[in-house]
Each structure stands twice: as C-alpha cells, then as structure tokens.
Amino acid sequence: MRRRSLLAASLPLLTLPLLPAFAHPPRQPDSAEAQKIIQEVTAFREKLAKAVKDKDFKALRAAYADNYTHTHGSGKLDNKDARIVSAMAGEPLIEAAPATELSFRVYAGPTVIVTGKSPILNVKEQKTYDFRWVCVYVTAKDGWELAVSQATRLPA
C-alpha cells in the first residue's frame, strides 16, 4: 500500500520534463509589430555604425553578442573579440559601411535577419569591392545585439 501511494505521489514529478513539449511556440509578430521592430533594429544598426566609426569600445562590447561570429568573404571566422579589435583598428566593416538593397525579416523572439549590399575597401589592395551580407539581430536583456554576420564578395 505504501509503495503504491509513493508511486502515485511521484507520477506528477515524472511528467514535468514533458511540459515544455506542450508549451505554446513564440508568437510571430504581426505587421505593425514587425514595423516597430524594424525601426528598432534600424536605430540599433545606426548606433553600432557610430560605435565602429567612433571606436567606442564600451558600446562595441555591448552591441555584439558574447557568442558572436562573423564569416569573412575569404572564409576567415572572427569572434566577438576579434571583431572589436578590427573595429578599434579602423578596418572597414560591413557594420559601418553604407548599405543598399536592405531587406528585413522579422521572426518570433524577436529575431531579425537583415541582408544588404555594401562597398568594402580591401585595405591590402586599396580597392573597393561590393559585398552581399547578412546580419542576425537578437534581443537580449539589455536590448538588441548582433549575433552573427557573414559577407560574400560579389564578382566584379
């Protein structure tokens, strides 16, 4: 009898790991919410570009996610620290380059994927090339962060 009551008492505890499977998925933002989020990300992009141009170390540390990665057109991979070193050294970055063909995709979370095209100076060659790039912005406890980016050089 005691064994049966112990089993009955422990059954609810055994189902706890299953609860996340029944949780509702995050709600996709509606059109008005998406427009507001796009405005926020646009403002964040401007703030990040200013931090790059001003070599504002504190603002750069806050703007990039801790696990940030950037994949260069060459395939080279940068983490957050390497990207900040590049910004502080004044290297040309997509974050501060003029952009055209911008496209924003807003997802639940919210998470925003931005694609665009920018001219980037190749410092070694002293020649400017067009790059198509993608940046993924995520919300964090203190606001927006850049989580990942990738740039691909376009054929001449």
C-alpha atoms as a PDB file:
ATOM      1  CA  MET A   1       0.000   0.000   0.000  1.00  0.00           C
ATOM      2  CA  ARG A   2       2.771   2.432   0.941  1.00  0.00           C
ATOM      3  CA  ARG A   3       4.618   1.592  -2.271  1.00  0.00           C
ATOM      4  CA  ARG A   4       1.514   2.356  -4.336  1.00  0.00           C
ATOM      5  CA  SER A   5       0.990   5.756  -2.661  1.00  0.00           C
ATOM      6  CA  LEU A   6       4.674   6.634  -3.201  1.00  0.00           C
ATOM      7  CA  LEU A   7       4.314   5.786  -6.881  1.00  0.00           C
ATOM      8  CA  ALA A   8       1.104   7.811  -7.151  1.00  0.00           C
ATOM      9  CA  ALA A   9       2.789  10.792  -5.485  1.00  0.00           C
ATOM     10  CA  SER A  10       5.790  10.659  -7.821  1.00  0.00           C
ATOM     11  CA  LEU A  11       3.815  10.416 -11.093  1.00  0.00           C
ATOM     12  CA  PRO A  12       3.262  14.189 -11.404  1.00  0.00           C
ATOM     13  CA  LEU A  13       7.002  14.744 -10.956  1.00  0.00           C
ATOM     14  CA  LEU A  14       7.763  12.312 -13.760  1.00  0.00           C
ATOM     15  CA  THR A  15       5.655  14.346 -16.195  1.00  0.00           C
ATOM     16  CA  LEU A  16       7.463  17.663 -15.512  1.00  0.00           C
ATOM     17  CA  PRO A  17      10.086  17.120 -18.243  1.00  0.00           C
ATOM     18  CA  LEU A  18       7.257  16.787 -20.774  1.00  0.00           C
ATOM     19  CA  LEU A  19       5.738  20.212 -20.040  1.00  0.00           C
ATOM     20  CA  PRO A  20       7.944  22.185 -22.475  1.00  0.00           C
ATOM     21  CA  ALA A  21       6.645  19.964 -25.274  1.00  0.00           C
ATOM     22  CA  PHE A  22       3.156  21.328 -24.625  1.00  0.00           C
ATOM     23  CA  ALA A  23       4.202  24.978 -24.291  1.00  0.00           C
ATOM     24  CA  HIS A  24       2.986  27.406 -26.922  1.00  0.00           C
ATOM     25  CA  PRO A  25       5.546  28.429 -29.531  1.00  0.00           C
ATOM     26  CA  PRO A  26       6.543  32.095 -29.585  1.00  0.00           C
ATOM     27  CA  ARG A  27       4.013  34.222 -31.450  1.00  0.00           C
ATOM     28  CA  GLN A  28       5.091  35.658 -34.801  1.00  0.00           C
ATOM     29  CA  PRO A  29       4.898  39.496 -34.706  1.00  0.00           C
ATOM     30  CA  ASP A  30       2.045  40.983 -36.741  1.00  0.00           C
ATOM     31  CA  SER A  31       2.705  43.611 -39.426  1.00  0.00           C
ATOM     32  CA  ALA A  32       2.532  46.625 -37.084  1.00  0.00           C
ATOM     33  CA  GLU A  33       4.800  44.940 -34.521  1.00  0.00           C
ATOM     34  CA  ALA A  34       7.220  43.927 -37.270  1.00  0.00           C
ATOM     35  CA  GLN A  35       7.449  47.543 -38.493  1.00  0.00           C
ATOM     36  CA  LYS A  36       8.197  48.741 -34.951  1.00  0.00           C
ATOM     37  CA  ILE A  37      10.879  46.054 -34.581  1.00  0.00           C
ATOM     38  CA  ILE A  38      12.418  47.046 -37.932  1.00  0.00           C
ATOM     39  CA  GLN A  39      12.615  50.651 -36.702  1.00  0.00           C
ATOM     40  CA  GLU A  40      14.332  49.459 -33.507  1.00  0.00           C
ATOM     41  CA  VAL A  41      16.863  47.381 -35.443  1.00  0.00           C
ATOM     42  CA  THR A  42      17.492  50.251 -37.869  1.00  0.00           C
ATOM     43  CA  ALA A  43      18.244  52.528 -34.892  1.00  0.00           C
ATOM     44  CA  PHE A  44      20.481  49.818 -33.395  1.00  0.00           C
ATOM     45  CA  ARG A  45      22.360  49.468 -36.711  1.00  0.00           C
ATOM     46  CA  GLU A  46      22.949  53.248 -36.739  1.00  0.00           C
ATOM     47  CA  LYS A  47      24.166  53.120 -33.135  1.00  0.00           C
ATOM     48  CA  LEU A  48      26.534  50.242 -33.976  1.00  0.00           C
ATOM     49  CA  ALA A  49      27.864  52.062 -37.065  1.00  0.00           C
ATOM     50  CA  LYS A  50      28.555  55.125 -34.903  1.00  0.00           C
ATOM     51  CA  ALA A  51      30.336  52.959 -32.304  1.00  0.00           C
ATOM     52  CA  VAL A  52      32.527  51.480 -35.062  1.00  0.00           C
ATOM     53  CA  LYS A  53      33.345  54.916 -36.517  1.00  0.00           C
ATOM     54  CA  ASP A  54      33.984  56.422 -33.059  1.00  0.00           C
ATOM     55  CA  LYS A  55      35.935  53.341 -31.905  1.00  0.00           C
ATOM     56  CA  ASP A  56      33.710  53.262 -28.815  1.00  0.00           C
ATOM     57  CA  PHE A  57      34.943  50.128 -27.048  1.00  0.00           C
ATOM     58  CA  LYS A  58      32.202  50.061 -24.410  1.00  0.00           C
ATOM     59  CA  ALA A  59      29.411  50.428 -26.986  1.00  0.00           C
ATOM     60  CA  LEU A  60      31.004  47.760 -29.198  1.00  0.00           C
ATOM     61  CA  ARG A  61      31.208  45.295 -26.283  1.00  0.00           C
ATOM     62  CA  ALA A  62      27.505  45.831 -25.628  1.00  0.00           C
ATOM     63  CA  ALA A  63      26.468  45.613 -29.300  1.00  0.00           C
ATOM     64  CA  TYR A  64      27.920  42.195 -30.132  1.00  0.00           C
ATOM     65  CA  ALA A  65      26.504  39.027 -28.563  1.00  0.00           C
ATOM     66  CA  ASP A  66      29.001  37.129 -26.418  1.00  0.00           C
ATOM     67  CA  ASN A  67      28.981  34.220 -28.890  1.00  0.00           C
ATOM     68  CA  TYR A  68      29.037  36.488 -31.982  1.00  0.00           C
ATOM     69  CA  THR A  69      30.742  35.235 -35.135  1.00  0.00           C
ATOM     70  CA  HIS A  70      31.487  36.881 -38.471  1.00  0.00           C
ATOM     71  CA  THR A  71      32.439  34.890 -41.547  1.00  0.00           C
ATOM     72  CA  HIS A  72      34.529  36.904 -44.000  1.00  0.00           C
ATOM     73  CA  GLY A  73      34.311  36.535 -47.769  1.00  0.00           C
ATOM     74  CA  SER A  74      37.615  34.649 -47.535  1.00  0.00           C
ATOM     75  CA  GLY A  75      36.111  32.143 -45.102  1.00  0.00           C
ATOM     76  CA  LYS A  76      38.029  33.548 -42.129  1.00  0.00           C
ATOM     77  CA  LEU A  77      35.978  33.423 -38.927  1.00  0.00           C
ATOM     78  CA  ASP A  78      36.012  36.185 -36.280  1.00  0.00           C
ATOM     79  CA  ASN A  79      34.575  36.010 -32.781  1.00  0.00           C
ATOM     80  CA  LYS A  80      33.382  38.987 -30.743  1.00  0.00           C
ATOM     81  CA  ASP A  81      36.840  39.950 -29.502  1.00  0.00           C
ATOM     82  CA  ALA A  82      38.446  39.732 -32.959  1.00  0.00           C
ATOM     83  CA  ARG A  83      35.659  41.829 -34.468  1.00  0.00           C
ATOM     84  CA  ILE A  84      36.078  44.519 -31.824  1.00  0.00           C
ATOM     85  CA  VAL A  85      39.854  44.543 -32.403  1.00  0.00           C
ATOM     86  CA  SER A  86      39.156  45.070 -36.127  1.00  0.00           C
ATOM     87  CA  ALA A  87      36.750  47.917 -35.346  1.00  0.00           C
ATOM     88  CA  MET A  88      39.204  49.570 -32.948  1.00  0.00           C
ATOM     89  CA  ALA A  89      41.941  49.302 -35.603  1.00  0.00           C
ATOM     90  CA  GLY A  90      39.735  51.169 -38.068  1.00  0.00           C
ATOM     91  CA  GLU A  91      39.373  48.278 -40.501  1.00  0.00           C
ATOM     92  CA  PRO A  92      36.442  48.534 -42.932  1.00  0.00           C
ATOM     93  CA  LEU A  93      33.450  46.604 -41.561  1.00  0.00           C
ATOM     94  CA  ILE A  94      30.013  45.932 -43.005  1.00  0.00           C
ATOM     95  CA  GLU A  95      28.563  47.288 -39.764  1.00  0.00           C
ATOM     96  CA  ALA A  96      29.704  50.823 -40.674  1.00  0.00           C
ATOM     97  CA  ALA A  97      29.570  50.672 -44.477  1.00  0.00           C
ATOM     98  CA  PRO A  98      26.841  52.362 -46.499  1.00  0.00           C
ATOM     99  CA  ALA A  99      24.215  49.779 -47.411  1.00  0.00           C
ATOM    100  CA  THR A 100      21.794  49.316 -50.275  1.00  0.00           C
ATOM    101  CA  GLU A 101      19.227  46.649 -51.113  1.00  0.00           C
ATOM    102  CA  LEU A 102      18.312  46.280 -47.436  1.00  0.00           C
ATOM    103  CA  SER A 103      15.808  43.562 -46.599  1.00  0.00           C
ATOM    104  CA  PHE A 104      14.461  42.901 -43.093  1.00  0.00           C
ATOM    105  CA  ARG A 105      12.840  39.638 -41.999  1.00  0.00           C
ATOM    106  CA  VAL A 106      11.271  39.639 -38.548  1.00  0.00           C
ATOM    107  CA  TYR A 107      10.753  36.405 -36.626  1.00  0.00           C
ATOM    108  CA  ALA A 108       9.421  35.448 -33.214  1.00  0.00           C
ATOM    109  CA  GLY A 109      11.737  36.069 -30.329  1.00  0.00           C
ATOM    110  CA  PRO A 110      12.037  38.686 -31.773  1.00  0.00           C
ATOM    111  CA  THR A 111      14.902  37.920 -34.109  1.00  0.00           C
ATOM    112  CA  VAL A 112      15.632  39.947 -37.225  1.00  0.00           C
ATOM    113  CA  ILE A 113      17.625  38.896 -40.275  1.00  0.00           C
ATOM    114  CA  VAL A 114      18.907  41.784 -42.373  1.00  0.00           C
ATOM    115  CA  THR A 115      20.515  41.386 -45.777  1.00  0.00           C
ATOM    116  CA  GLY A 116      22.138  44.084 -47.833  1.00  0.00           C
ATOM    117  CA  LYS A 117      24.900  45.092 -50.189  1.00  0.00           C
ATOM    118  CA  SER A 118      27.847  47.338 -49.293  1.00  0.00           C
ATOM    119  CA  PRO A 119      31.073  48.564 -50.862  1.00  0.00           C
ATOM    120  CA  ILE A 120      34.019  47.495 -48.684  1.00  0.00           C
ATOM    121  CA  LEU A 121      37.612  48.628 -49.113  1.00  0.00           C
ATOM    122  CA  ASN A 122      40.194  45.854 -49.358  1.00  0.00           C
ATOM    123  CA  VAL A 123      42.996  47.531 -47.417  1.00  0.00           C
ATOM    124  CA  LYS A 124      45.788  45.357 -48.870  1.00  0.00           C
ATOM    125  CA  GLU A 125      44.744  46.012 -52.475  1.00  0.00           C
ATOM    126  CA  GLN A 126      43.409  49.545 -51.867  1.00  0.00           C
ATOM    127  CA  LYS A 127      40.437  48.553 -53.992  1.00  0.00           C
ATOM    128  CA  THR A 128      36.734  48.635 -53.133  1.00  0.00           C
ATOM    129  CA  TYR A 129      34.574  45.581 -53.752  1.00  0.00           C
ATOM    130  CA  ASP A 130      30.846  45.049 -53.391  1.00  0.00           C
ATOM    131  CA  PHE A 131      29.804  42.554 -50.741  1.00  0.00           C
ATOM    132  CA  ARG A 132      26.436  40.974 -50.125  1.00  0.00           C
ATOM    133  CA  TRP A 133      25.999  40.387 -46.413  1.00  0.00           C
ATOM    134  CA  VAL A 134      23.633  39.009 -43.804  1.00  0.00           C
ATOM    135  CA  CYS A 135      23.339  40.034 -40.146  1.00  0.00           C
ATOM    136  CA  VAL A 136      21.209  38.358 -37.494  1.00  0.00           C
ATOM    137  CA  TYR A 137      19.985  40.566 -34.640  1.00  0.00           C
ATOM    138  CA  VAL A 138      18.562  39.097 -31.438  1.00  0.00           C
ATOM    139  CA  THR A 139      17.030  40.546 -28.319  1.00  0.00           C
ATOM    140  CA  ALA A 140      18.996  40.300 -25.111  1.00  0.00           C
ATOM    141  CA  LYS A 141      18.337  41.511 -21.585  1.00  0.00           C
ATOM    142  CA  ASP A 142      19.738  44.975 -22.402  1.00  0.00           C
ATOM    143  CA  GLY A 143      18.279  45.349 -25.902  1.00  0.00           C
ATOM    144  CA  TRP A 144      19.400  44.334 -29.373  1.00  0.00           C
ATOM    145  CA  GLU A 145      22.652  42.513 -30.122  1.00  0.00           C
ATOM    146  CA  LEU A 146      24.329  41.442 -33.330  1.00  0.00           C
ATOM    147  CA  ALA A 147      24.599  37.654 -33.067  1.00  0.00           C
ATOM    148  CA  VAL A 148      26.106  36.605 -36.401  1.00  0.00           C
ATOM    149  CA  SER A 149      27.149  38.118 -39.707  1.00  0.00           C
ATOM    150  CA  GLN A 150      28.578  36.915 -42.979  1.00  0.00           C
ATOM    151  CA  ALA A 151      29.858  38.759 -46.031  1.00  0.00           C
ATOM    152  CA  THR A 152      30.381  37.403 -49.533  1.00  0.00           C
ATOM    153  CA  ARG A 153      32.319  39.336 -52.159  1.00  0.00           C
ATOM    154  CA  LEU A 154      30.384  39.761 -55.385  1.00  0.00           C
ATOM    155  CA  PRO A 155      32.010  39.084 -58.747  1.00  0.00           C
ATOM    156  CA  ALA A 156      33.412  42.189 -60.424  1.00  0.00           C
END
